[in-house]
C-alpha atoms as a PDB file:
ATOM      1  CA  MET A   1       0.207   0.220  -0.102  1.00  0.00           C
ATOM      2  CA  ASN A   2       2.911   2.507   0.688  1.00  0.00           C
ATOM      3  CA  LYS A   3       4.412   1.447  -2.346  1.00  0.00           C
ATOM      4  CA  THR A   4       1.015   2.832  -4.338  1.00  0.00           C
ATOM      5  CA  ALA A   5       0.389   5.845  -2.540  1.00  0.00           C
ATOM      6  CA  ARG A   6       4.263   6.692  -3.014  1.00  0.00           C
ATOM      7  CA  PHE A   7       3.758   6.049  -6.770  1.00  0.00           C
ATOM      8  CA  LEU A   8       0.309   7.626  -7.387  1.00  0.00           C
ATOM      9  CA  SER A   9       2.006  10.680  -5.700  1.00  0.00           C
ATOM     10  CA  VAL A  10       5.425  11.129  -7.962  1.00  0.00           C
ATOM     11  CA  ALA A  11       2.812  10.633 -11.178  1.00  0.00           C
ATOM     12  CA  ALA A  12       0.833  13.321 -10.161  1.00  0.00           C
ATOM     13  CA  VAL A  13       3.684  15.283  -9.190  1.00  0.00           C
ATOM     14  CA  ALA A  14       5.113  14.839 -12.915  1.00  0.00           C
ATOM     15  CA  ALA A  15       1.735  14.996 -14.334  1.00  0.00           C
ATOM     16  CA  PHE A  16       1.149  18.687 -12.726  1.00  0.00           C
ATOM     17  CA  ALA A  17       4.815  19.301 -13.912  1.00  0.00           C
ATOM     18  CA  ALA A  18       4.272  18.570 -17.708  1.00  0.00           C
ATOM     19  CA  PHE A  19       0.910  20.049 -17.485  1.00  0.00           C
ATOM     20  CA  ALA A  20       2.881  23.474 -16.417  1.00  0.00           C
ATOM     21  CA  ALA A  21       5.096  23.334 -18.267  1.00  0.00           C
ATOM     22  CA  PHE A  22       2.943  22.816 -21.334  1.00  0.00           C
ATOM     23  CA  GLY A  23       1.306  25.992 -20.008  1.00  0.00           C
ATOM     24  CA  ALA A  24       4.503  28.367 -19.856  1.00  0.00           C
ATOM     25  CA  HIS A  25       5.713  27.277 -23.073  1.00  0.00           C
ATOM     26  CA  ALA A  26       2.178  27.897 -25.410  1.00  0.00           C
ATOM     27  CA  ASP A  27       3.336  30.964 -26.908  1.00  0.00           C
ATOM     28  CA  GLU A  28       6.313  31.688 -29.564  1.00  0.00           C
ATOM     29  CA  ALA A  29       9.797  31.263 -28.251  1.00  0.00           C
ATOM     30  CA  ASP A  30      10.786  34.582 -29.352  1.00  0.00           C
ATOM     31  CA  GLY A  31       8.190  36.618 -27.689  1.00  0.00           C
ATOM     32  CA  SER A  32       7.182  38.424 -30.934  1.00  0.00           C
ATOM     33  CA  GLN A  33       4.132  39.164 -29.755  1.00  0.00           C
ATOM     34  CA  PHE A  34       5.634  41.922 -28.018  1.00  0.00           C
ATOM     35  CA  ALA A  35       7.323  43.513 -30.378  1.00  0.00           C
ATOM     36  CA  LEU A  36       6.285  46.866 -31.331  1.00  0.00           C
ATOM     37  CA  LYS A  37       5.854  47.690 -34.823  1.00  0.00           C
ATOM     38  CA  PHE A  38       6.231  51.457 -35.715  1.00  0.00           C
ATOM     39  CA  ASP A  39       5.393  53.059 -39.380  1.00  0.00           C
ATOM     40  CA  THR A  40       6.547  56.764 -39.976  1.00  0.00           C
ATOM     41  CA  ASN A  41       7.715  58.697 -42.132  1.00  0.00           C
ATOM     42  CA  ARG A  42       8.883  61.593 -39.626  1.00  0.00           C
ATOM     43  CA  THR A  43      12.852  61.669 -39.387  1.00  0.00           C
ATOM     44  CA  ARG A  44      14.511  61.709 -35.743  1.00  0.00           C
ATOM     45  CA  ALA A  45      15.491  65.308 -36.416  1.00  0.00           C
ATOM     46  CA  GLU A  46      12.069  66.497 -36.973  1.00  0.00           C
ATOM     47  CA  VAL A  47      11.244  64.344 -33.448  1.00  0.00           C
ATOM     48  CA  ALA A  48      13.981  65.802 -31.679  1.00  0.00           C
ATOM     49  CA  ALA A  49      12.557  69.386 -32.765  1.00  0.00           C
ATOM     50  CA  GLU A  50       9.293  68.630 -31.555  1.00  0.00           C
ATOM     51  CA  ALA A  51      10.491  67.685 -27.798  1.00  0.00           C
ATOM     52  CA  VAL A  52      12.560  70.422 -28.053  1.00  0.00           C
ATOM     53  CA  VAL A  53       9.771  72.692 -28.535  1.00  0.00           C
ATOM     54  CA  GLU A  54       7.060  70.376 -25.943  1.00  0.00           C
ATOM     55  CA  ALA A  55       9.896  70.842 -23.175  1.00  0.00           C
ATOM     56  CA  ARG A  56      10.004  74.509 -24.008  1.00  0.00           C
ATOM     57  CA  THR A  57       6.443  75.067 -23.818  1.00  0.00           C
ATOM     58  CA  HIS A  58       5.136  72.552 -21.253  1.00  0.00           C
ATOM     59  CA  ASN A  59       2.721  73.754 -18.804  1.00  0.00           C
ATOM     60  CA  MET A  60       2.700  71.537 -15.222  1.00  0.00           C
ATOM     61  CA  GLU A  61      -0.939  72.650 -14.848  1.00  0.00           C
ATOM     62  CA  PRO A  62      -3.129  70.484 -15.482  1.00  0.00           C
ATOM     63  CA  ALA A  63      -5.707  71.222 -17.848  1.00  0.00           C
ATOM     64  CA  GLY A  64      -8.971  72.454 -17.473  1.00  0.00           C
ATOM     65  CA  SER A  65      -7.729  73.239 -13.516  1.00  0.00           C
ATOM     66  CA  ARG A  66      -9.209  76.396 -11.720  1.00  0.00           C
ATOM     67  CA  VAL A  67      -5.430  77.953 -11.064  1.00  0.00           C
ATOM     68  CA  VAL A  68      -5.824  81.407 -11.461  1.00  0.00           C
ATOM     69  CA  THR A  69      -2.419  82.997 -11.911  1.00  0.00           C
ATOM     70  CA  TYR A  70      -2.208  86.277 -11.093  1.00  0.00           C
ATOM     71  CA  GLN A  71       0.801  89.099 -11.667  1.00  0.00           C
ATOM     72  CA  SER A  72       0.804  91.884  -8.501  1.00  0.00           C
ATOM     73  CA  THR A  73       1.882  95.185  -9.806  1.00  0.00           C
ATOM     74  CA  ALA A  74       1.803  96.697  -5.979  1.00  0.00           C
ATOM     75  CA  ASP A  75       4.946  98.116  -4.936  1.00  0.00           C
ATOM     76  CA  ARG A  76       6.636  96.364  -1.779  1.00  0.00           C
ATOM     77  CA  ALA A  77       7.042  99.236   0.285  1.00  0.00           C
ATOM     78  CA  ALA A  78       3.491 100.467  -0.500  1.00  0.00           C
ATOM     79  CA  VAL A  79       1.993  97.234   0.841  1.00  0.00           C
ATOM     80  CA  ARG A  80       4.077  97.488   3.735  1.00  0.00           C
ATOM     81  CA  ALA A  81       3.242 100.758   4.506  1.00  0.00           C
ATOM     82  CA  GLN A  82      -1.093  99.698   3.908  1.00  0.00           C
ATOM     83  CA  ALA A  83      -0.079  96.866   6.004  1.00  0.00           C
ATOM     84  CA  ALA A  84       1.384  98.850   8.859  1.00  0.00           C
ATOM     85  CA  GLU A  85      -1.052 102.080   8.894  1.00  0.00           C
ATOM     86  CA  ALA A  86      -4.298  99.220   9.318  1.00  0.00           C
ATOM     87  CA  VAL A  87      -2.751  97.893  12.163  1.00  0.00           C
ATOM     88  CA  ARG A  88      -2.152 101.582  13.582  1.00  0.00           C
ATOM     89  CA  THR A  89      -5.549 102.407  12.974  1.00  0.00           C
ATOM     90  CA  GLY A  90      -7.328  98.992  14.358  1.00  0.00           C
ATOM     91  CA  GLN A  91      -8.559  97.629  11.072  1.00  0.00           C
ATOM     92  CA  ILE A  92      -6.328  94.042  11.937  1.00  0.00           C
ATOM     93  CA  PRO A  93      -5.408  92.731  14.794  1.00  0.00           C
ATOM     94  CA  SER A  94      -1.653  92.595  15.777  1.00  0.00           C
ATOM     95  CA  GLY A  95      -0.115  90.715  18.334  1.00  0.00           C
ATOM     96  CA  GLU A  96      -1.058  87.593  20.419  1.00  0.00           C
ATOM     97  CA  PHE A  97      -4.913  86.640  21.043  1.00  0.00           C
ATOM     98  CA  SER A  98      -5.856  85.334  24.276  1.00  0.00           C
ATOM     99  CA  ALA A  99      -9.001  84.043  24.701  1.00  0.00           C
ATOM    100  CA  MET A 100      -8.899  83.902  28.221  1.00  0.00           C
END
């Protein structure tokens, strides 16, 4: 009985190994299904020139985003003076706030 069980288990493992090996090699050996095929009439120089233009003009902001850019024309000294005046007149708080 021990010989029969051992024989059957060895036969099962061998059959499984053969089946697994067959499944792994079911396609072509050269892997040609993964080869990329391009048919183009553009030269290497044209593609390189296009890449340079794209790199210079590429915008990191996603298309359709709601980011608004604002270019200020205010003078830094004038803004500081306005802020100091607002603090002096009490329009904006200054210092630490204590809720107690």
